[in-house]
Amino acid sequence: MTQSGVIPTVSYFLVLLRPVPDASAAEPPWQEHVAFIDEMVSHGVVLLGGDLDPAVAGARAAYLLHTSTRAEAEGWTGRDPLVRQGSYAPDVIEWSLVGIALNAIHPALRLPA
């Protein structure tokens, strides 16, 4: 918390991926999706992601994006092969994070004391 009593936040965008019930019977493009996630990692856009079990509000997977605007987050999301093929529908939700404990994500990321 700052001296003004305001908690500083950083805007992120949580992308929930819901399977589309009437999607084509074609297998979703999983390998292309993984390659796309790797691309987002290389651009420093995605913080984390993975499957949800059980589903949350119909969403089976999610990822967290750090972009300047919702439009940018929606642009990245629209490039996801799962979304482009129509297998999954995205919900992009703005999430104001108050902090991230990197060492809670992975012990190798511990910050020096």
Protein backbone atom coordinates (compact mmCIF):
# COMPACT_ATOMS: atom_id res chain seq x y z
CA MET A 1 0.00 0.00 0.00
CA THR A 2 1.25 3.51 -0.74
CA GLN A 3 1.27 6.47 1.64
CA SER A 4 -1.97 7.65 0.01
CA GLY A 5 -3.66 4.42 1.06
CA VAL A 6 -4.15 3.33 -2.55
CA ILE A 7 -3.05 -0.17 -3.45
CA PRO A 8 -1.12 -0.05 -6.74
CA THR A 9 -2.45 -2.45 -9.36
CA VAL A 10 -1.37 -3.70 -12.77
CA SER A 11 -3.95 -4.58 -15.39
CA TYR A 12 -3.82 -8.05 -16.80
CA PHE A 13 -6.38 -9.87 -18.90
CA LEU A 14 -7.66 -13.30 -17.92
CA VAL A 15 -8.71 -15.29 -20.98
CA LEU A 16 -11.19 -18.08 -20.25
CA LEU A 17 -11.54 -20.65 -23.06
CA ARG A 18 -14.91 -22.39 -23.34
CA PRO A 19 -15.42 -25.34 -25.72
CA VAL A 20 -17.93 -24.52 -28.44
CA PRO A 21 -20.63 -27.24 -28.31
CA ASP A 22 -21.50 -27.12 -32.01
CA ALA A 23 -17.90 -26.86 -33.24
CA SER A 24 -16.81 -29.05 -36.10
CA ALA A 25 -15.95 -32.64 -35.28
CA ALA A 26 -12.34 -31.93 -36.23
CA GLU A 27 -9.75 -32.42 -33.50
CA PRO A 28 -8.75 -29.05 -32.00
CA PRO A 29 -5.31 -27.85 -33.18
CA TRP A 30 -3.45 -28.60 -29.95
CA GLN A 31 0.10 -28.48 -31.37
CA GLU A 32 -0.56 -25.15 -33.04
CA HIS A 33 -2.05 -23.85 -29.79
CA VAL A 34 1.08 -24.87 -27.85
CA ALA A 35 3.28 -23.17 -30.47
CA PHE A 36 1.12 -20.04 -30.15
CA ILE A 37 1.51 -20.04 -26.35
CA ASP A 38 5.29 -20.37 -26.84
CA GLU A 39 5.14 -17.35 -29.17
CA MET A 40 3.30 -15.33 -26.51
CA VAL A 41 5.92 -16.40 -23.94
CA SER A 42 8.71 -15.20 -26.26
CA HIS A 43 6.96 -11.81 -26.55
CA GLY A 44 6.49 -11.56 -22.76
CA VAL A 45 2.70 -11.40 -23.15
CA VAL A 46 1.52 -14.46 -21.22
CA LEU A 47 2.16 -14.85 -17.51
CA LEU A 48 0.66 -18.29 -16.96
CA GLY A 49 -1.99 -20.64 -18.27
CA GLY A 50 -3.37 -24.15 -18.22
CA ASP A 51 -6.36 -26.45 -17.99
CA LEU A 52 -9.16 -25.94 -15.45
CA ASP A 53 -10.45 -29.03 -13.67
CA PRO A 54 -13.29 -28.84 -12.97
CA ALA A 55 -14.45 -26.33 -15.55
CA VAL A 56 -15.18 -22.80 -14.32
CA ALA A 57 -18.32 -21.21 -15.81
CA GLY A 58 -17.94 -23.59 -18.74
CA ALA A 59 -14.28 -22.69 -19.32
CA ARG A 60 -11.90 -25.65 -19.64
CA ALA A 61 -8.67 -23.61 -19.85
CA ALA A 62 -7.34 -20.13 -19.18
CA TYR A 63 -4.32 -17.93 -19.62
CA LEU A 64 -3.30 -14.59 -18.16
CA LEU A 65 -2.05 -11.88 -20.53
CA HIS A 66 -0.13 -8.71 -19.72
CA THR A 67 -0.90 -6.23 -22.47
CA SER A 68 -1.35 -2.46 -22.60
CA THR A 69 -5.03 -2.59 -23.58
CA ARG A 70 -8.03 -4.90 -23.80
CA ALA A 71 -7.89 -4.52 -27.59
CA GLU A 72 -4.33 -5.86 -27.60
CA ALA A 73 -5.34 -8.80 -25.38
CA GLU A 74 -8.29 -9.53 -27.67
CA GLY A 75 -5.95 -9.35 -30.67
CA TRP A 76 -3.63 -11.97 -29.20
CA THR A 77 -6.59 -14.12 -28.17
CA GLY A 78 -8.04 -13.93 -31.69
CA ARG A 79 -4.80 -15.41 -33.04
CA ASP A 80 -5.06 -18.51 -30.81
CA PRO A 81 -5.54 -21.50 -33.15
CA LEU A 82 -8.22 -22.93 -30.83
CA VAL A 83 -10.20 -19.71 -31.23
CA ARG A 84 -9.49 -19.27 -34.97
CA GLN A 85 -10.70 -22.81 -35.71
CA GLY A 86 -13.85 -22.22 -33.68
CA SER A 87 -13.23 -25.04 -31.21
CA TYR A 88 -13.10 -22.64 -28.24
CA ALA A 89 -14.74 -19.29 -27.51
CA PRO A 90 -12.79 -16.80 -25.40
CA ASP A 91 -13.96 -14.51 -22.62
CA VAL A 92 -11.43 -11.72 -21.99
CA ILE A 93 -11.73 -10.31 -18.46
CA GLU A 94 -9.70 -7.41 -17.10
CA TRP A 95 -8.02 -8.36 -13.84
CA SER A 96 -6.26 -5.73 -11.73
CA LEU A 97 -3.55 -7.61 -9.86
CA VAL A 98 -2.13 -6.16 -6.67
CA GLY A 99 1.01 -8.26 -6.75
CA ILE A 100 2.70 -11.37 -7.99
CA ALA A 101 4.87 -13.62 -5.82
CA LEU A 102 7.13 -15.12 -8.47
CA ASN A 103 8.57 -17.68 -6.05
CA ALA A 104 5.04 -19.00 -5.50
CA ILE A 105 4.81 -19.73 -9.23
CA HIS A 106 8.11 -21.60 -9.35
CA PRO A 107 10.83 -21.92 -6.67
CA ALA A 108 13.58 -21.24 -9.23
CA LEU A 109 12.20 -17.71 -9.67
CA ARG A 110 12.88 -16.68 -6.06
CA LEU A 111 13.83 -13.08 -5.70
CA PRO A 112 17.02 -12.25 -3.80
CA ALA A 113 16.49 -11.22 -0.17
